Amino acid sequence: MIGALVGTASAAGIFGGPEIWTRELLRPDLTLVSPSPYSMLIWALIALGMVGYVVHQWLPGQMDSPRHRRLGWVVIAALLLNLALALTIQAELHAPTLVVHGLLLILLLVSLRWLNRWSAATRLEGTLVDVPFGLFLGWTGFTALSHTAAVLSLSDFSWLTESDFTWALVGLGVVVVVGSTVCSMDRGRIAVALALVWGLGWIIVERLIGEPGSLPVAAAAALAAFLVLITAGSRRHRVDHSYRRALRRYQTANLPPIDLIDDDDEYENDPETLDNRPETGHRDTDRRDSAHQVSKND
């Protein structure tokens, strides 16, 4: 895993050589959904999270965990595919780039299946496992949009319409639908939503201050980011609320029943208790006796 991460960093030009963000496919002015090159800074966070995951799965307590047994091969394959993706982008192999990207996205969706089936046992595990995978998946889903749009633009693709704005709206709509579906799984995949919002945010920046400028696309990207984020947050709120209600029902199930016996009946059945009633009780008794005397006189 560490070797795949180092290899990817080397292919990206971190250790010298041509930098990956200078390649034709990643030009910010190529399409209306091409983000700023600064968006790739998220890879530093993803790589750090993956290192944390590797350290976590090496712990003795994780040896027999079915979660990590299922995820192990998926992680290795995903990081190797990510290395292949970096190499194809560097070599300007546009069609193979989309093929590798599709395989990587499918593999990460498979990993999400195992994450949902076996939830994190502790908050630490959720931070070291679910968060890096969520960022990885969310960013791969976002770059699937930008890379596909870039390849189609370089190929002069114009099926049904030549309007770049229409295709940008279609692409953003796909991101919202698929991203919201993924973010609605389990307790709400906030990390996936944050990675998507990060990419959409850099589309907004590039369309407002870069070329080609487009205020409508920036507004559509802002709406897409809001919808994805609110979907994940709403799912998290609903699940947490249901958990709190279930916990409250469990806590109150063992409480003793409330004694609803009327105090007046107890006093009337026990004359000694009647004599020891508080002052307010004597006043109530006097009023009842007076009312009874009046009714007898009538």
C-alpha atoms as a PDB file:
ATOM      1  CA  MET A   1       0.000   0.000   0.000  1.00  0.00           C
ATOM      2  CA  ILE A   2       2.763   2.413   0.938  1.00  0.00           C
ATOM      3  CA  GLY A   3       4.557   1.540  -2.308  1.00  0.00           C
ATOM      4  CA  ALA A   4       1.439   2.319  -4.339  1.00  0.00           C
ATOM      5  CA  LEU A   5       1.056   5.680  -2.595  1.00  0.00           C
ATOM      6  CA  VAL A   6       4.708   6.578  -3.187  1.00  0.00           C
ATOM      7  CA  GLY A   7       4.427   5.457  -6.802  1.00  0.00           C
ATOM      8  CA  THR A   8       1.367   7.601  -7.351  1.00  0.00           C
ATOM      9  CA  ALA A   9       3.115  10.607  -5.825  1.00  0.00           C
ATOM     10  CA  SER A  10       6.098  10.016  -8.092  1.00  0.00           C
ATOM     11  CA  ALA A  11       3.869   9.709 -11.168  1.00  0.00           C
ATOM     12  CA  ALA A  12       2.187  12.961 -10.170  1.00  0.00           C
ATOM     13  CA  GLY A  13       5.528  14.739 -10.215  1.00  0.00           C
ATOM     14  CA  ILE A  14       5.864  15.272  -6.469  1.00  0.00           C
ATOM     15  CA  PHE A  15       9.491  14.052  -6.490  1.00  0.00           C
ATOM     16  CA  GLY A  16      10.452  15.833  -9.697  1.00  0.00           C
ATOM     17  CA  GLY A  17       9.643  15.458 -13.368  1.00  0.00           C
ATOM     18  CA  PRO A  18       6.566  16.704 -15.220  1.00  0.00           C
ATOM     19  CA  GLU A  19       3.753  17.640 -12.851  1.00  0.00           C
ATOM     20  CA  ILE A  20       0.455  15.896 -13.436  1.00  0.00           C
ATOM     21  CA  TRP A  21      -1.654  19.064 -13.156  1.00  0.00           C
ATOM     22  CA  THR A  22       0.059  20.436 -16.269  1.00  0.00           C
ATOM     23  CA  ARG A  23      -1.344  17.628 -18.430  1.00  0.00           C
ATOM     24  CA  GLU A  24      -3.943  18.429 -21.072  1.00  0.00           C
ATOM     25  CA  LEU A  25      -6.689  16.457 -19.349  1.00  0.00           C
ATOM     26  CA  LEU A  26      -6.456  18.547 -16.168  1.00  0.00           C
ATOM     27  CA  ARG A  27      -6.449  22.017 -17.710  1.00  0.00           C
ATOM     28  CA  PRO A  28      -8.871  24.230 -15.726  1.00  0.00           C
ATOM     29  CA  ASP A  29      -9.970  26.081 -18.889  1.00  0.00           C
ATOM     30  CA  LEU A  30     -10.800  22.964 -20.887  1.00  0.00           C
ATOM     31  CA  THR A  31     -14.479  22.576 -19.907  1.00  0.00           C
ATOM     32  CA  LEU A  32     -17.111  24.312 -17.790  1.00  0.00           C
ATOM     33  CA  VAL A  33     -16.774  21.618 -15.103  1.00  0.00           C
ATOM     34  CA  SER A  34     -12.973  21.608 -14.914  1.00  0.00           C
ATOM     35  CA  PRO A  35     -11.863  22.576 -11.397  1.00  0.00           C
ATOM     36  CA  SER A  36      -8.889  24.660 -10.348  1.00  0.00           C
ATOM     37  CA  PRO A  37      -5.555  22.804 -10.038  1.00  0.00           C
ATOM     38  CA  TYR A  38      -5.624  23.649  -6.318  1.00  0.00           C
ATOM     39  CA  SER A  39      -8.419  21.104  -5.942  1.00  0.00           C
ATOM     40  CA  MET A  40      -5.806  18.347  -6.133  1.00  0.00           C
ATOM     41  CA  LEU A  41      -4.512  19.339  -2.705  1.00  0.00           C
ATOM     42  CA  ILE A  42      -7.115  16.955  -1.301  1.00  0.00           C
ATOM     43  CA  TRP A  43      -4.781  14.116  -2.304  1.00  0.00           C
ATOM     44  CA  ALA A  44      -2.480  15.026   0.592  1.00  0.00           C
ATOM     45  CA  LEU A  45      -5.360  14.408   3.024  1.00  0.00           C
ATOM     46  CA  ILE A  46      -6.404  11.175   1.287  1.00  0.00           C
ATOM     47  CA  ALA A  47      -2.840   9.837   1.315  1.00  0.00           C
ATOM     48  CA  LEU A  48      -2.440  10.716   5.001  1.00  0.00           C
ATOM     49  CA  GLY A  49      -5.722   8.956   5.765  1.00  0.00           C
ATOM     50  CA  MET A  50      -4.635   5.856   3.875  1.00  0.00           C
ATOM     51  CA  VAL A  51      -1.417   5.711   5.898  1.00  0.00           C
ATOM     52  CA  GLY A  52      -3.530   5.930   9.061  1.00  0.00           C
ATOM     53  CA  TYR A  53      -5.692   3.074   7.762  1.00  0.00           C
ATOM     54  CA  VAL A  54      -2.620   0.909   7.125  1.00  0.00           C
ATOM     55  CA  VAL A  55      -1.359   1.520  10.678  1.00  0.00           C
ATOM     56  CA  HIS A  56      -4.819   0.790  12.126  1.00  0.00           C
ATOM     57  CA  GLN A  57      -5.240  -2.544  10.333  1.00  0.00           C
ATOM     58  CA  TRP A  58      -1.799  -3.650  11.566  1.00  0.00           C
ATOM     59  CA  LEU A  59      -2.976  -3.453  15.180  1.00  0.00           C
ATOM     60  CA  PRO A  60      -3.322  -6.859  16.896  1.00  0.00           C
ATOM     61  CA  GLY A  61      -7.006  -6.334  17.616  1.00  0.00           C
ATOM     62  CA  GLN A  62      -7.792  -6.119  13.878  1.00  0.00           C
ATOM     63  CA  MET A  63      -6.261  -9.453  12.894  1.00  0.00           C
ATOM     64  CA  ASP A  64      -9.571 -11.333  12.868  1.00  0.00           C
ATOM     65  CA  SER A  65     -11.820  -8.433  11.880  1.00  0.00           C
ATOM     66  CA  PRO A  66     -14.068  -9.465   8.943  1.00  0.00           C
ATOM     67  CA  ARG A  67     -14.242  -5.812   7.975  1.00  0.00           C
ATOM     68  CA  HIS A  68     -10.516  -5.505   7.357  1.00  0.00           C
ATOM     69  CA  ARG A  69     -10.257  -8.963   5.811  1.00  0.00           C
ATOM     70  CA  ARG A  70     -12.763  -7.897   3.154  1.00  0.00           C
ATOM     71  CA  LEU A  71     -11.266  -4.438   2.681  1.00  0.00           C
ATOM     72  CA  GLY A  72      -7.624  -5.485   2.397  1.00  0.00           C
ATOM     73  CA  TRP A  73      -7.630  -6.669  -1.201  1.00  0.00           C
ATOM     74  CA  VAL A  74      -9.961  -3.828  -2.237  1.00  0.00           C
ATOM     75  CA  VAL A  75      -7.560  -1.236  -0.826  1.00  0.00           C
ATOM     76  CA  ILE A  76      -4.534  -2.753  -2.576  1.00  0.00           C
ATOM     77  CA  ALA A  77      -6.369  -2.980  -5.910  1.00  0.00           C
ATOM     78  CA  ALA A  78      -7.729   0.567  -5.578  1.00  0.00           C
ATOM     79  CA  LEU A  79      -4.313   2.070  -4.864  1.00  0.00           C
ATOM     80  CA  LEU A  80      -2.752   0.164  -7.783  1.00  0.00           C
ATOM     81  CA  LEU A  81      -5.519   1.392 -10.072  1.00  0.00           C
ATOM     82  CA  ASN A  82      -4.964   4.896  -8.779  1.00  0.00           C
ATOM     83  CA  LEU A  83      -1.273   4.550  -9.710  1.00  0.00           C
ATOM     84  CA  ALA A  84      -2.301   3.361 -13.186  1.00  0.00           C
ATOM     85  CA  LEU A  85      -4.645   6.356 -13.456  1.00  0.00           C
ATOM     86  CA  ALA A  86      -1.824   8.772 -12.671  1.00  0.00           C
ATOM     87  CA  LEU A  87       0.417   7.090 -15.253  1.00  0.00           C
ATOM     88  CA  THR A  88      -2.221   7.216 -18.015  1.00  0.00           C
ATOM     89  CA  ILE A  89      -2.882  10.890 -17.326  1.00  0.00           C
ATOM     90  CA  GLN A  90       0.853  11.621 -17.460  1.00  0.00           C
ATOM     91  CA  ALA A  91       1.126   9.736 -20.778  1.00  0.00           C
ATOM     92  CA  GLU A  92      -1.876  11.618 -22.247  1.00  0.00           C
ATOM     93  CA  LEU A  93      -3.711   8.317 -22.862  1.00  0.00           C
ATOM     94  CA  HIS A  94      -7.223   9.712 -22.695  1.00  0.00           C
ATOM     95  CA  ALA A  95      -9.382   6.672 -23.492  1.00  0.00           C
ATOM     96  CA  PRO A  96      -7.449   4.328 -21.158  1.00  0.00           C
ATOM     97  CA  THR A  97      -7.738   7.001 -18.482  1.00  0.00           C
ATOM     98  CA  LEU A  98     -11.531   6.733 -18.543  1.00  0.00           C
ATOM     99  CA  VAL A  99     -11.391   2.928 -18.459  1.00  0.00           C
ATOM    100  CA  VAL A 100      -9.085   2.897 -15.433  1.00  0.00           C
ATOM    101  CA  HIS A 101     -11.157   5.592 -13.776  1.00  0.00           C
ATOM    102  CA  GLY A 102     -14.334   3.561 -14.205  1.00  0.00           C
ATOM    103  CA  LEU A 103     -12.735   0.441 -12.733  1.00  0.00           C
ATOM    104  CA  LEU A 104     -11.443   2.460  -9.769  1.00  0.00           C
ATOM    105  CA  LEU A 105     -14.863   3.950  -9.091  1.00  0.00           C
ATOM    106  CA  ILE A 106     -16.538   0.522  -9.201  1.00  0.00           C
ATOM    107  CA  LEU A 107     -13.944  -0.913  -6.838  1.00  0.00           C
ATOM    108  CA  LEU A 108     -14.436   1.897  -4.322  1.00  0.00           C
ATOM    109  CA  LEU A 109     -18.194   1.378  -4.442  1.00  0.00           C
ATOM    110  CA  VAL A 110     -17.553  -2.292  -3.616  1.00  0.00           C
ATOM    111  CA  SER A 111     -15.477  -1.189  -0.621  1.00  0.00           C
ATOM    112  CA  LEU A 112     -18.398   0.946   0.517  1.00  0.00           C
ATOM    113  CA  ARG A 113     -20.547  -2.195   0.584  1.00  0.00           C
ATOM    114  CA  TRP A 114     -18.224  -3.783   3.148  1.00  0.00           C
ATOM    115  CA  LEU A 115     -18.048  -0.564   5.156  1.00  0.00           C
ATOM    116  CA  ASN A 116     -21.839  -0.471   5.356  1.00  0.00           C
ATOM    117  CA  ARG A 117     -22.165  -4.149   6.232  1.00  0.00           C
ATOM    118  CA  TRP A 118     -19.706  -3.940   9.139  1.00  0.00           C
ATOM    119  CA  SER A 119     -19.947  -0.537  10.762  1.00  0.00           C
ATOM    120  CA  ALA A 120     -17.010   0.986  12.620  1.00  0.00           C
ATOM    121  CA  ALA A 121     -16.716  -0.429  16.136  1.00  0.00           C
ATOM    122  CA  THR A 122     -15.224   2.755  17.613  1.00  0.00           C
ATOM    123  CA  ARG A 123     -15.038   6.433  16.776  1.00  0.00           C
ATOM    124  CA  LEU A 124     -11.287   6.030  16.147  1.00  0.00           C
ATOM    125  CA  GLU A 125     -11.899   3.309  13.584  1.00  0.00           C
ATOM    126  CA  GLY A 126     -14.446   5.500  11.848  1.00  0.00           C
ATOM    127  CA  THR A 127     -11.875   8.298  11.625  1.00  0.00           C
ATOM    128  CA  LEU A 128      -9.033   6.102  10.372  1.00  0.00           C
ATOM    129  CA  VAL A 129     -11.032   3.887   8.011  1.00  0.00           C
ATOM    130  CA  ASP A 130     -14.380   5.352   6.940  1.00  0.00           C
ATOM    131  CA  VAL A 131     -13.197   8.942   6.516  1.00  0.00           C
ATOM    132  CA  PRO A 132     -10.232   8.195   4.169  1.00  0.00           C
ATOM    133  CA  PHE A 133     -12.343   5.799   2.096  1.00  0.00           C
ATOM    134  CA  GLY A 134     -15.144   8.331   1.942  1.00  0.00           C
ATOM    135  CA  LEU A 135     -12.805  11.077   0.741  1.00  0.00           C
ATOM    136  CA  PHE A 136     -11.231   8.702  -1.783  1.00  0.00           C
ATOM    137  CA  LEU A 137     -14.616   7.640  -3.138  1.00  0.00           C
ATOM    138  CA  GLY A 138     -16.057  11.149  -3.213  1.00  0.00           C
ATOM    139  CA  TRP A 139     -13.044  12.593  -5.003  1.00  0.00           C
ATOM    140  CA  THR A 140     -12.945   9.723  -7.515  1.00  0.00           C
ATOM    141  CA  GLY A 141     -16.624  10.290  -8.245  1.00  0.00           C
ATOM    142  CA  PHE A 142     -16.058  14.000  -8.789  1.00  0.00           C
ATOM    143  CA  THR A 143     -13.022  13.528 -11.054  1.00  0.00           C
ATOM    144  CA  ALA A 144     -15.033  10.998 -13.052  1.00  0.00           C
ATOM    145  CA  LEU A 145     -17.182  13.986 -14.050  1.00  0.00           C
ATOM    146  CA  SER A 146     -14.313  16.349 -14.846  1.00  0.00           C
ATOM    147  CA  HIS A 147     -12.180  13.743 -16.649  1.00  0.00           C
ATOM    148  CA  THR A 148     -15.084  12.484 -18.754  1.00  0.00           C
ATOM    149  CA  ALA A 149     -15.993  16.029 -19.747  1.00  0.00           C
ATOM    150  CA  ALA A 150     -12.351  16.740 -20.616  1.00  0.00           C
ATOM    151  CA  VAL A 151     -11.997  13.623 -22.792  1.00  0.00           C
ATOM    152  CA  LEU A 152     -15.264  14.375 -24.618  1.00  0.00           C
ATOM    153  CA  SER A 153     -14.159  17.962 -25.161  1.00  0.00           C
ATOM    154  CA  LEU A 154     -10.787  16.897 -26.568  1.00  0.00           C
ATOM    155  CA  SER A 155     -12.610  14.436 -28.858  1.00  0.00           C
ATOM    156  CA  ASP A 156     -14.980  17.180 -30.120  1.00  0.00           C
ATOM    157  CA  PHE A 157     -17.949  15.140 -28.952  1.00  0.00           C
ATOM    158  CA  SER A 158     -21.279  16.833 -29.762  1.00  0.00           C
ATOM    159  CA  TRP A 159     -24.094  14.294 -29.551  1.00  0.00           C
ATOM    160  CA  LEU A 160     -27.639  15.756 -29.516  1.00  0.00           C
ATOM    161  CA  THR A 161     -26.427  19.255 -28.624  1.00  0.00           C
ATOM    162  CA  GLU A 162     -23.304  21.373 -28.941  1.00  0.00           C
ATOM    163  CA  SER A 163     -24.152  23.500 -25.908  1.00  0.00           C
ATOM    164  CA  ASP A 164     -21.391  23.224 -23.306  1.00  0.00           C
ATOM    165  CA  PHE A 165     -23.733  24.675 -20.693  1.00  0.00           C
ATOM    166  CA  THR A 166     -26.305  21.909 -21.271  1.00  0.00           C
ATOM    167  CA  TRP A 167     -23.664  19.201 -20.896  1.00  0.00           C
ATOM    168  CA  ALA A 168     -22.363  20.876 -17.746  1.00  0.00           C
ATOM    169  CA  LEU A 169     -25.852  20.801 -16.225  1.00  0.00           C
ATOM    170  CA  VAL A 170     -26.256  17.137 -17.187  1.00  0.00           C
ATOM    171  CA  GLY A 171     -22.951  16.260 -15.555  1.00  0.00           C
ATOM    172  CA  LEU A 172     -23.739  18.179 -12.375  1.00  0.00           C
ATOM    173  CA  GLY A 173     -27.147  16.515 -12.240  1.00  0.00           C
ATOM    174  CA  VAL A 174     -25.545  13.064 -12.413  1.00  0.00           C
ATOM    175  CA  VAL A 175     -23.170  14.020  -9.600  1.00  0.00           C
ATOM    176  CA  VAL A 176     -26.092  15.163  -7.432  1.00  0.00           C
ATOM    177  CA  VAL A 177     -28.173  12.022  -8.019  1.00  0.00           C
ATOM    178  CA  VAL A 178     -25.377   9.477  -7.602  1.00  0.00           C
ATOM    179  CA  GLY A 179     -23.629  11.430  -4.848  1.00  0.00           C
ATOM    180  CA  SER A 180     -26.827  11.864  -2.840  1.00  0.00           C
ATOM    181  CA  THR A 181     -27.582   8.142  -3.172  1.00  0.00           C
ATOM    182  CA  VAL A 182     -24.154   7.188  -1.858  1.00  0.00           C
ATOM    183  CA  CYS A 183     -24.289   9.790   0.924  1.00  0.00           C
ATOM    184  CA  SER A 184     -27.650   8.385   2.080  1.00  0.00           C
ATOM    185  CA  MET A 185     -26.111   5.015   2.979  1.00  0.00           C
ATOM    186  CA  ASP A 186     -25.362   3.875   6.512  1.00  0.00           C
ATOM    187  CA  ARG A 187     -25.377   6.862   8.931  1.00  0.00           C
ATOM    188  CA  GLY A 188     -24.781   9.317   6.111  1.00  0.00           C
ATOM    189  CA  ARG A 189     -21.435   9.389   4.337  1.00  0.00           C
ATOM    190  CA  ILE A 190     -20.298  12.886   5.314  1.00  0.00           C
ATOM    191  CA  ALA A 191     -16.741  12.323   4.037  1.00  0.00           C
ATOM    192  CA  VAL A 192     -18.039  11.474   0.559  1.00  0.00           C
ATOM    193  CA  ALA A 193     -20.164  14.616   0.570  1.00  0.00           C
ATOM    194  CA  LEU A 194     -17.239  16.788   1.711  1.00  0.00           C
ATOM    195  CA  ALA A 195     -15.006  15.488  -1.105  1.00  0.00           C
ATOM    196  CA  LEU A 196     -17.720  16.228  -3.665  1.00  0.00           C
ATOM    197  CA  VAL A 197     -18.310  19.686  -2.198  1.00  0.00           C
ATOM    198  CA  TRP A 198     -14.548  20.349  -2.300  1.00  0.00           C
ATOM    199  CA  GLY A 199     -14.422  19.619  -6.029  1.00  0.00           C
ATOM    200  CA  LEU A 200     -17.618  21.529  -6.793  1.00  0.00           C
ATOM    201  CA  GLY A 201     -16.293  24.480  -4.816  1.00  0.00           C
ATOM    202  CA  TRP A 202     -13.220  24.710  -7.055  1.00  0.00           C
ATOM    203  CA  ILE A 203     -15.485  24.603 -10.118  1.00  0.00           C
ATOM    204  CA  ILE A 204     -17.273  27.625  -8.673  1.00  0.00           C
ATOM    205  CA  VAL A 205     -13.986  29.454  -8.116  1.00  0.00           C
ATOM    206  CA  GLU A 206     -12.745  28.705 -11.631  1.00  0.00           C
ATOM    207  CA  ARG A 207     -15.986  29.740 -13.309  1.00  0.00           C
ATOM    208  CA  LEU A 208     -16.111  33.009 -11.370  1.00  0.00           C
ATOM    209  CA  ILE A 209     -12.491  34.173 -11.723  1.00  0.00           C
ATOM    210  CA  GLY A 210     -11.042  31.864 -14.393  1.00  0.00           C
ATOM    211  CA  GLU A 211     -11.663  30.967 -17.999  1.00  0.00           C
ATOM    212  CA  PRO A 212     -14.142  30.115 -19.367  1.00  0.00           C
ATOM    213  CA  GLY A 213     -16.226  32.177 -16.995  1.00  0.00           C
ATOM    214  CA  SER A 214     -19.840  31.200 -16.438  1.00  0.00           C
ATOM    215  CA  LEU A 215     -22.011  32.548 -13.650  1.00  0.00           C
ATOM    216  CA  PRO A 216     -24.885  30.084 -14.393  1.00  0.00           C
ATOM    217  CA  VAL A 217     -22.533  27.083 -14.103  1.00  0.00           C
ATOM    218  CA  ALA A 218     -21.100  28.480 -10.855  1.00  0.00           C
ATOM    219  CA  ALA A 219     -24.639  28.831  -9.484  1.00  0.00           C
ATOM    220  CA  ALA A 220     -25.538  25.288 -10.611  1.00  0.00           C
ATOM    221  CA  ALA A 221     -22.388  23.901  -8.973  1.00  0.00           C
ATOM    222  CA  ALA A 222     -23.227  25.743  -5.741  1.00  0.00           C
ATOM    223  CA  LEU A 223     -26.735  24.254  -5.778  1.00  0.00           C
ATOM    224  CA  ALA A 224     -25.302  20.782  -6.432  1.00  0.00           C
ATOM    225  CA  ALA A 225     -22.901  21.146  -3.497  1.00  0.00           C
ATOM    226  CA  PHE A 226     -25.741  22.248  -1.225  1.00  0.00           C
ATOM    227  CA  LEU A 227     -27.982  19.331  -2.227  1.00  0.00           C
ATOM    228  CA  VAL A 228     -25.265  16.726  -1.680  1.00  0.00           C
ATOM    229  CA  LEU A 229     -24.250  18.173   1.678  1.00  0.00           C
ATOM    230  CA  ILE A 230     -27.803  18.562   2.970  1.00  0.00           C
ATOM    231  CA  THR A 231     -28.636  14.984   1.916  1.00  0.00           C
ATOM    232  CA  ALA A 232     -25.728  13.532   3.891  1.00  0.00           C
ATOM    233  CA  GLY A 233     -26.452  15.753   6.903  1.00  0.00           C
ATOM    234  CA  SER A 234     -30.151  14.908   6.875  1.00  0.00           C
ATOM    235  CA  ARG A 235     -29.409  11.188   6.774  1.00  0.00           C
ATOM    236  CA  ARG A 236     -26.982  11.503   9.688  1.00  0.00           C
ATOM    237  CA  HIS A 237     -29.572  13.467  11.701  1.00  0.00           C
ATOM    238  CA  ARG A 238     -32.353  10.931  11.055  1.00  0.00           C
ATOM    239  CA  VAL A 239     -30.215   7.953  12.011  1.00  0.00           C
ATOM    240  CA  ASP A 240     -28.906   9.629  15.186  1.00  0.00           C
ATOM    241  CA  HIS A 241     -32.436  10.673  16.153  1.00  0.00           C
ATOM    242  CA  SER A 242     -33.722   7.122  15.695  1.00  0.00           C
ATOM    243  CA  TYR A 243     -30.836   5.816  17.783  1.00  0.00           C
ATOM    244  CA  ARG A 244     -31.591   8.252  20.613  1.00  0.00           C
ATOM    245  CA  ARG A 245     -35.277   7.290  20.585  1.00  0.00           C
ATOM    246  CA  ALA A 246     -34.441   3.584  20.685  1.00  0.00           C
ATOM    247  CA  LEU A 247     -32.001   4.187  23.540  1.00  0.00           C
ATOM    248  CA  ARG A 248     -34.616   6.170  25.466  1.00  0.00           C
ATOM    249  CA  ARG A 249     -37.176   3.370  25.030  1.00  0.00           C
ATOM    250  CA  TYR A 250     -34.649   0.849  26.293  1.00  0.00           C
ATOM    251  CA  GLN A 251     -33.802   2.977  29.331  1.00  0.00           C
ATOM    252  CA  THR A 252     -37.430   3.599  30.299  1.00  0.00           C
ATOM    253  CA  ALA A 253     -38.533  -0.013  29.769  1.00  0.00           C
ATOM    254  CA  ASN A 254     -37.069  -1.082  33.134  1.00  0.00           C
ATOM    255  CA  LEU A 255     -38.440   1.814  35.177  1.00  0.00           C
ATOM    256  CA  PRO A 256     -41.089   0.937  37.828  1.00  0.00           C
ATOM    257  CA  PRO A 257     -44.668   1.932  36.977  1.00  0.00           C
ATOM    258  CA  ILE A 258     -45.904   5.275  38.237  1.00  0.00           C
ATOM    259  CA  ASP A 259     -48.294   5.059  41.267  1.00  0.00           C
ATOM    260  CA  LEU A 260     -51.468   6.847  40.196  1.00  0.00           C
ATOM    261  CA  ILE A 261     -53.603   5.968  43.302  1.00  0.00           C
ATOM    262  CA  ASP A 262     -55.680   8.944  44.425  1.00  0.00           C
ATOM    263  CA  ASP A 263     -54.508  10.297  47.793  1.00  0.00           C
ATOM    264  CA  ASP A 264     -58.057  11.111  48.862  1.00  0.00           C
ATOM    265  CA  ASP A 265     -59.084   7.456  48.588  1.00  0.00           C
ATOM    266  CA  GLU A 266     -56.155   6.504  50.797  1.00  0.00           C
ATOM    267  CA  TYR A 267     -57.127   9.082  53.410  1.00  0.00           C
ATOM    268  CA  GLU A 268     -60.777   8.075  53.412  1.00  0.00           C
ATOM    269  CA  ASN A 269     -59.871   4.399  53.941  1.00  0.00           C
ATOM    270  CA  ASP A 270     -57.438   5.208  56.802  1.00  0.00           C
ATOM    271  CA  PRO A 271     -58.936   7.450  59.564  1.00  0.00           C
ATOM    272  CA  GLU A 272     -55.585   7.783  61.335  1.00  0.00           C
ATOM    273  CA  THR A 273     -54.017   9.153  58.153  1.00  0.00           C
ATOM    274  CA  LEU A 274     -56.944  11.566  57.828  1.00  0.00           C
ATOM    275  CA  ASP A 275     -56.153  13.092  61.226  1.00  0.00           C
ATOM    276  CA  ASN A 276     -52.515  13.613  60.183  1.00  0.00           C
ATOM    277  CA  ARG A 277     -53.270  15.286  56.851  1.00  0.00           C
ATOM    278  CA  PRO A 278     -51.680  18.658  56.091  1.00  0.00           C
ATOM    279  CA  GLU A 279     -53.508  21.879  56.778  1.00  0.00           C
ATOM    280  CA  THR A 280     -54.752  22.140  53.220  1.00  0.00           C
ATOM    281  CA  GLY A 281     -56.281  18.707  53.623  1.00  0.00           C
ATOM    282  CA  HIS A 282     -58.246  19.877  56.730  1.00  0.00           C
ATOM    283  CA  ARG A 283     -59.581  22.860  54.828  1.00  0.00           C
ATOM    284  CA  ASP A 284     -60.767  20.564  52.025  1.00  0.00           C
ATOM    285  CA  THR A 285     -62.441  18.282  54.565  1.00  0.00           C
ATOM    286  CA  ASP A 286     -64.139  21.229  56.279  1.00  0.00           C
ATOM    287  CA  ARG A 287     -65.505  22.411  52.947  1.00  0.00           C
ATOM    288  CA  ARG A 288     -66.925  18.969  52.177  1.00  0.00           C
ATOM    289  CA  ASP A 289     -68.490  18.732  55.677  1.00  0.00           C
ATOM    290  CA  SER A 290     -70.063  22.192  55.308  1.00  0.00           C
ATOM    291  CA  ALA A 291     -71.491  21.305  51.930  1.00  0.00           C
ATOM    292  CA  HIS A 292     -72.913  18.080  53.371  1.00  0.00           C
ATOM    293  CA  GLN A 293     -74.539  19.975  56.307  1.00  0.00           C
ATOM    294  CA  VAL A 294     -76.162  22.479  53.987  1.00  0.00           C
ATOM    295  CA  SER A 295     -77.606  19.680  51.868  1.00  0.00           C
ATOM    296  CA  LYS A 296     -79.094  18.050  55.023  1.00  0.00           C
ATOM    297  CA  ASN A 297     -80.709  21.300  56.152  1.00  0.00           C
ATOM    298  CA  ASP A 298     -82.280  21.746  52.737  1.00  0.00           C
END
